[in-house]
């Protein structure tokens, strides 16, 4: 069982920055691809970014160039640096862990990000 705990959400003005953290229970990054998703009120959950177990990354077009996903293997933590934020970035952000070879998927509880003046 993998446990994921997100933190770092909050209220930020348009154009501002926030960094989200996702602390994993143990050293899982060699076996799991780690991702961030978000869900705005009344909308479906959407994928935001992924960092694969080998370290490569990919982003949704809506955040490319503004968000950066990274990880600290020693601290078992994944980050999402969000810059130049827009009101449409407002959502509940979730961390996910997906095993590369097994049908194992885990979610965190989510952290709220609100972009508003």
N, C-alpha and C. Protein backbone atom coordinates (compact mmCIF):
# COMPACT_ATOMS: atom_id res chain seq x y z
N UNK A 1 0.85 -1.19 0.00
CA UNK A 1 0.00 0.00 0.00
C UNK A 1 0.88 1.24 0.00
N UNK A 2 0.61 2.14 -0.95
CA UNK A 2 1.36 3.39 -1.03
C UNK A 2 0.47 4.50 -0.51
N UNK A 3 1.02 5.33 0.35
CA UNK A 3 0.29 6.50 0.83
C UNK A 3 0.93 7.75 0.27
N UNK A 4 0.08 8.66 -0.19
CA UNK A 4 0.53 9.92 -0.77
C UNK A 4 -0.14 11.06 -0.01
N UNK A 5 0.65 12.04 0.39
CA UNK A 5 0.12 13.18 1.13
C UNK A 5 0.55 14.47 0.45
N UNK A 6 -0.43 15.20 -0.07
CA UNK A 6 -0.14 16.47 -0.74
C UNK A 6 -0.16 17.61 0.26
N UNK A 7 0.56 18.66 -0.07
CA UNK A 7 0.55 19.89 0.71
C UNK A 7 0.98 21.04 -0.19
N UNK A 8 0.80 22.26 0.31
CA UNK A 8 1.29 23.43 -0.41
C UNK A 8 0.23 24.23 -1.14
N UNK A 9 -1.01 23.77 -1.13
CA UNK A 9 -2.07 24.52 -1.78
C UNK A 9 -2.40 25.79 -1.02
N UNK A 10 -3.21 26.64 -1.67
CA UNK A 10 -3.60 27.88 -1.02
C UNK A 10 -4.18 28.85 -2.02
N UNK A 11 -4.27 30.10 -1.58
CA UNK A 11 -4.80 31.18 -2.41
C UNK A 11 -3.63 31.96 -2.98
N UNK A 12 -3.65 32.21 -4.28
CA UNK A 12 -2.60 32.97 -4.94
C UNK A 12 -3.24 33.90 -5.96
N UNK A 13 -2.62 35.05 -6.16
CA UNK A 13 -3.14 36.00 -7.13
C UNK A 13 -2.75 35.58 -8.55
N UNK A 14 -3.51 35.99 -9.54
CA UNK A 14 -3.11 35.72 -10.93
C UNK A 14 -1.69 36.20 -11.19
N UNK A 15 -0.93 35.38 -11.88
CA UNK A 15 0.47 35.70 -12.13
C UNK A 15 1.42 35.21 -11.06
N UNK A 16 0.88 34.75 -9.96
CA UNK A 16 1.70 34.30 -8.83
C UNK A 16 2.16 32.86 -8.97
N UNK A 17 2.81 32.38 -7.91
CA UNK A 17 3.40 31.05 -7.92
C UNK A 17 3.06 30.29 -6.65
N UNK A 18 2.98 28.98 -6.78
CA UNK A 18 2.84 28.07 -5.66
C UNK A 18 3.64 26.83 -5.97
N UNK A 19 4.10 26.16 -4.92
CA UNK A 19 4.74 24.85 -5.10
C UNK A 19 4.00 23.81 -4.27
N UNK A 20 3.50 22.81 -4.95
CA UNK A 20 2.84 21.69 -4.29
C UNK A 20 3.85 20.58 -4.01
N UNK A 21 3.63 19.88 -2.92
CA UNK A 21 4.48 18.74 -2.56
C UNK A 21 3.62 17.50 -2.40
N UNK A 22 4.20 16.36 -2.71
CA UNK A 22 3.53 15.07 -2.53
C UNK A 22 4.53 14.13 -1.88
N UNK A 23 4.30 13.82 -0.62
CA UNK A 23 5.19 12.94 0.12
C UNK A 23 4.69 11.50 0.01
N UNK A 24 5.55 10.62 -0.47
CA UNK A 24 5.19 9.21 -0.63
C UNK A 24 5.73 8.39 0.54
N UNK A 25 5.00 7.31 0.85
CA UNK A 25 5.40 6.44 1.95
C UNK A 25 6.42 5.42 1.48
N UNK A 26 7.65 5.82 1.42
CA UNK A 26 8.70 4.90 1.03
C UNK A 26 9.32 5.25 -0.30
N UNK A 27 10.36 4.52 -0.64
CA UNK A 27 11.13 4.77 -1.86
C UNK A 27 10.46 4.03 -3.02
N UNK A 28 9.54 4.71 -3.69
CA UNK A 28 8.75 4.05 -4.74
C UNK A 28 9.08 4.54 -6.13
N UNK A 29 9.90 5.56 -6.26
CA UNK A 29 10.05 6.23 -7.55
C UNK A 29 10.72 5.37 -8.60
N UNK A 30 11.45 4.35 -8.20
CA UNK A 30 12.07 3.48 -9.20
C UNK A 30 11.05 2.58 -9.87
N UNK A 31 9.90 2.39 -9.26
CA UNK A 31 8.88 1.50 -9.79
C UNK A 31 7.61 2.22 -10.24
N UNK A 32 7.44 3.45 -9.79
CA UNK A 32 6.19 4.16 -10.06
C UNK A 32 6.43 5.42 -10.87
N UNK A 33 5.52 5.68 -11.80
CA UNK A 33 5.43 6.97 -12.46
C UNK A 33 4.55 7.85 -11.58
N UNK A 34 5.00 9.07 -11.34
CA UNK A 34 4.28 9.97 -10.44
C UNK A 34 3.63 11.09 -11.25
N UNK A 35 2.38 11.37 -10.93
CA UNK A 35 1.67 12.37 -11.69
C UNK A 35 0.90 13.35 -10.81
N UNK A 36 0.54 14.46 -11.43
CA UNK A 36 -0.38 15.42 -10.81
C UNK A 36 -1.61 15.54 -11.70
N UNK A 37 -2.76 15.56 -11.05
CA UNK A 37 -4.03 15.77 -11.71
C UNK A 37 -4.74 16.91 -10.99
N UNK A 38 -5.78 17.42 -11.63
CA UNK A 38 -6.58 18.44 -10.97
C UNK A 38 -8.05 18.31 -11.37
N UNK A 39 -8.90 18.77 -10.48
CA UNK A 39 -10.33 18.73 -10.75
C UNK A 39 -10.96 20.03 -10.29
N UNK A 40 -11.51 20.76 -11.24
CA UNK A 40 -12.21 22.00 -10.95
C UNK A 40 -13.67 21.69 -10.66
N UNK A 41 -14.36 22.56 -9.94
CA UNK A 41 -15.77 22.32 -9.63
C UNK A 41 -16.60 22.11 -10.90
N UNK A 42 -17.38 21.05 -10.92
CA UNK A 42 -18.23 20.78 -12.05
C UNK A 42 -17.54 20.20 -13.27
N UNK A 43 -16.25 19.90 -13.14
CA UNK A 43 -15.50 19.36 -14.28
C UNK A 43 -14.88 18.02 -13.91
N UNK A 44 -14.48 17.30 -14.95
CA UNK A 44 -13.83 16.02 -14.73
C UNK A 44 -12.38 16.23 -14.30
N UNK A 45 -11.85 15.24 -13.62
CA UNK A 45 -10.45 15.29 -13.24
C UNK A 45 -9.60 15.23 -14.51
N UNK A 46 -8.58 16.09 -14.58
CA UNK A 46 -7.72 16.12 -15.75
C UNK A 46 -6.26 15.97 -15.35
N UNK A 47 -5.52 15.33 -16.24
CA UNK A 47 -4.10 15.14 -16.03
C UNK A 47 -3.36 16.46 -16.23
N UNK A 48 -2.34 16.70 -15.40
CA UNK A 48 -1.57 17.93 -15.46
C UNK A 48 -0.12 17.66 -15.88
N UNK A 49 0.53 16.73 -15.18
CA UNK A 49 1.95 16.49 -15.44
C UNK A 49 2.33 15.11 -14.93
N UNK A 50 3.42 14.57 -15.48
CA UNK A 50 3.93 13.27 -15.05
C UNK A 50 5.45 13.31 -15.04
N UNK A 51 6.02 12.60 -14.07
CA UNK A 51 7.45 12.33 -14.07
C UNK A 51 7.61 10.82 -14.02
N UNK A 52 8.22 10.27 -15.05
CA UNK A 52 8.35 8.83 -15.16
C UNK A 52 9.47 8.34 -14.24
N UNK A 53 9.44 7.04 -13.99
CA UNK A 53 10.41 6.47 -13.04
C UNK A 53 11.85 6.74 -13.47
N UNK A 54 12.09 6.85 -14.76
CA UNK A 54 13.45 7.12 -15.24
C UNK A 54 13.77 8.61 -15.27
N UNK A 55 12.77 9.46 -14.91
CA UNK A 55 13.06 10.87 -14.75
C UNK A 55 12.56 11.80 -15.83
N UNK A 56 12.10 11.27 -16.94
CA UNK A 56 11.59 12.16 -17.98
C UNK A 56 10.22 12.69 -17.55
N UNK A 57 9.83 13.81 -18.16
CA UNK A 57 8.59 14.48 -17.76
C UNK A 57 7.72 14.80 -18.97
N UNK A 58 6.46 15.06 -18.70
CA UNK A 58 5.54 15.46 -19.73
C UNK A 58 4.44 16.32 -19.10
N UNK A 59 3.84 17.21 -19.91
CA UNK A 59 2.89 18.16 -19.37
C UNK A 59 1.67 18.29 -20.28
N UNK A 60 0.55 18.63 -19.67
CA UNK A 60 -0.63 19.00 -20.44
C UNK A 60 -0.34 20.32 -21.14
N UNK A 61 -0.93 20.51 -22.30
CA UNK A 61 -0.69 21.73 -23.07
C UNK A 61 -1.08 22.98 -22.26
N UNK A 62 -2.09 22.85 -21.43
CA UNK A 62 -2.60 24.01 -20.69
C UNK A 62 -1.61 24.53 -19.64
N UNK A 63 -0.63 23.72 -19.26
CA UNK A 63 0.32 24.16 -18.23
C UNK A 63 1.75 24.18 -18.73
N UNK A 64 1.98 23.71 -19.93
CA UNK A 64 3.34 23.62 -20.47
C UNK A 64 3.99 25.01 -20.49
N UNK A 65 5.20 25.08 -19.98
CA UNK A 65 5.92 26.34 -19.91
C UNK A 65 5.67 27.12 -18.64
N UNK A 66 4.65 26.72 -17.87
CA UNK A 66 4.34 27.42 -16.61
C UNK A 66 4.57 26.53 -15.40
N UNK A 67 4.30 25.24 -15.54
CA UNK A 67 4.43 24.30 -14.43
C UNK A 67 5.65 23.41 -14.64
N UNK A 68 6.25 23.00 -13.53
CA UNK A 68 7.39 22.09 -13.58
C UNK A 68 7.22 21.00 -12.53
N UNK A 69 7.29 19.76 -12.97
CA UNK A 69 7.24 18.63 -12.04
C UNK A 69 8.66 18.14 -11.79
N UNK A 70 8.94 17.81 -10.55
CA UNK A 70 10.26 17.32 -10.18
C UNK A 70 10.12 16.39 -8.99
N UNK A 71 11.21 15.76 -8.62
CA UNK A 71 11.15 14.89 -7.45
C UNK A 71 12.47 14.89 -6.71
N UNK A 72 12.40 14.57 -5.43
CA UNK A 72 13.58 14.41 -4.60
C UNK A 72 13.57 12.96 -4.11
N UNK A 73 14.41 12.14 -4.70
CA UNK A 73 14.40 10.71 -4.38
C UNK A 73 14.77 10.45 -2.92
N UNK A 74 15.68 11.24 -2.39
CA UNK A 74 16.12 11.03 -1.01
C UNK A 74 15.01 11.32 -0.01
N UNK A 75 14.10 12.23 -0.39
CA UNK A 75 13.01 12.60 0.51
C UNK A 75 11.68 11.98 0.10
N UNK A 76 11.69 11.14 -0.94
CA UNK A 76 10.46 10.49 -1.42
C UNK A 76 9.34 11.49 -1.67
N UNK A 77 9.70 12.61 -2.28
CA UNK A 77 8.74 13.70 -2.48
C UNK A 77 8.74 14.14 -3.93
N UNK A 78 7.56 14.37 -4.45
CA UNK A 78 7.36 14.92 -5.79
C UNK A 78 6.82 16.34 -5.65
N UNK A 79 7.25 17.22 -6.54
CA UNK A 79 6.85 18.62 -6.46
C UNK A 79 6.15 19.03 -7.76
N UNK A 80 5.32 20.05 -7.63
CA UNK A 80 4.75 20.71 -8.80
C UNK A 80 4.91 22.21 -8.58
N UNK A 81 5.87 22.79 -9.28
CA UNK A 81 6.08 24.24 -9.23
C UNK A 81 5.15 24.89 -10.25
N UNK A 82 4.31 25.78 -9.77
CA UNK A 82 3.31 26.42 -10.63
C UNK A 82 3.60 27.91 -10.68
N UNK A 83 3.95 28.40 -11.86
CA UNK A 83 4.24 29.82 -12.06
C UNK A 83 3.21 30.43 -13.01
N UNK A 84 3.19 31.75 -13.04
CA UNK A 84 2.29 32.49 -13.95
C UNK A 84 0.88 31.94 -13.89
N UNK A 85 0.39 31.78 -12.68
CA UNK A 85 -0.90 31.11 -12.52
C UNK A 85 -2.05 31.94 -13.03
N UNK A 86 -3.08 31.22 -13.49
CA UNK A 86 -4.26 31.82 -14.06
C UNK A 86 -5.49 31.39 -13.25
N UNK A 87 -6.56 32.17 -13.30
CA UNK A 87 -7.78 31.75 -12.58
C UNK A 87 -8.25 30.34 -12.98
N UNK A 88 -8.02 29.97 -14.22
CA UNK A 88 -8.44 28.64 -14.66
C UNK A 88 -7.59 27.50 -14.09
N UNK A 89 -6.54 27.84 -13.36
CA UNK A 89 -5.76 26.82 -12.65
C UNK A 89 -6.41 26.44 -11.32
N UNK A 90 -7.46 27.16 -10.94
CA UNK A 90 -8.16 26.87 -9.69
C UNK A 90 -8.75 25.47 -9.74
N UNK A 91 -8.38 24.65 -8.76
CA UNK A 91 -8.84 23.26 -8.74
C UNK A 91 -8.31 22.58 -7.49
N UNK A 92 -8.83 21.38 -7.27
CA UNK A 92 -8.27 20.48 -6.27
C UNK A 92 -7.21 19.65 -6.97
N UNK A 93 -5.98 19.72 -6.48
CA UNK A 93 -4.86 19.05 -7.13
C UNK A 93 -4.54 17.75 -6.39
N UNK A 94 -4.40 16.68 -7.18
CA UNK A 94 -4.14 15.36 -6.64
C UNK A 94 -2.81 14.82 -7.14
N UNK A 95 -2.12 14.14 -6.27
CA UNK A 95 -0.92 13.41 -6.62
C UNK A 95 -1.29 11.96 -6.91
N UNK A 96 -0.65 11.35 -7.89
CA UNK A 96 -0.94 9.95 -8.20
C UNK A 96 0.35 9.16 -8.35
N UNK A 97 0.25 7.86 -8.06
CA UNK A 97 1.37 6.94 -8.26
C UNK A 97 0.85 5.76 -9.06
N UNK A 98 1.52 5.46 -10.17
CA UNK A 98 1.10 4.37 -11.05
C UNK A 98 2.28 3.44 -11.30
N UNK A 99 2.12 2.20 -10.91
CA UNK A 99 3.21 1.24 -11.07
C UNK A 99 3.47 1.01 -12.55
N UNK A 100 4.74 0.92 -12.90
CA UNK A 100 5.09 0.79 -14.31
C UNK A 100 4.67 -0.55 -14.90
N UNK A 101 4.61 -1.60 -14.08
CA UNK A 101 4.39 -2.92 -14.64
C UNK A 101 3.18 -3.65 -14.04
N UNK A 102 2.74 -3.24 -12.88
CA UNK A 102 1.60 -3.88 -12.23
C UNK A 102 0.40 -2.95 -12.25
N UNK A 103 -0.78 -3.52 -12.07
CA UNK A 103 -2.01 -2.74 -12.05
C UNK A 103 -2.22 -2.16 -10.65
N UNK A 104 -1.35 -1.24 -10.30
CA UNK A 104 -1.40 -0.61 -8.99
C UNK A 104 -1.45 0.90 -9.17
N UNK A 105 -2.46 1.53 -8.60
CA UNK A 105 -2.66 2.97 -8.75
C UNK A 105 -3.08 3.54 -7.41
N UNK A 106 -2.48 4.66 -7.04
CA UNK A 106 -2.78 5.29 -5.76
C UNK A 106 -2.98 6.78 -5.95
N UNK A 107 -3.83 7.34 -5.06
CA UNK A 107 -4.13 8.77 -5.09
C UNK A 107 -3.91 9.37 -3.71
N UNK A 108 -3.53 10.64 -3.69
CA UNK A 108 -3.53 11.38 -2.46
C UNK A 108 -4.91 11.96 -2.20
N UNK A 109 -5.02 12.72 -1.12
CA UNK A 109 -6.33 13.25 -0.73
C UNK A 109 -6.65 14.57 -1.41
N UNK A 110 -5.65 15.19 -2.02
CA UNK A 110 -5.85 16.44 -2.73
C UNK A 110 -5.50 17.67 -1.91
N UNK A 111 -5.11 18.72 -2.61
CA UNK A 111 -4.84 20.01 -1.98
C UNK A 111 -5.43 21.09 -2.87
N UNK A 112 -6.13 22.04 -2.24
CA UNK A 112 -6.87 23.05 -2.99
C UNK A 112 -5.97 24.20 -3.41
N UNK A 113 -6.07 24.58 -4.68
CA UNK A 113 -5.39 25.75 -5.21
C UNK A 113 -6.44 26.70 -5.76
N UNK A 114 -6.41 27.93 -5.29
CA UNK A 114 -7.35 28.95 -5.75
C UNK A 114 -6.55 30.14 -6.27
N UNK A 115 -6.81 30.49 -7.52
CA UNK A 115 -6.13 31.63 -8.15
C UNK A 115 -7.16 32.73 -8.33
N UNK A 116 -7.00 33.79 -7.56
CA UNK A 116 -8.00 34.85 -7.57
C UNK A 116 -7.40 36.13 -7.01
N UNK A 117 -7.89 37.25 -7.53
CA UNK A 117 -7.46 38.54 -7.01
C UNK A 117 -8.41 39.02 -5.91
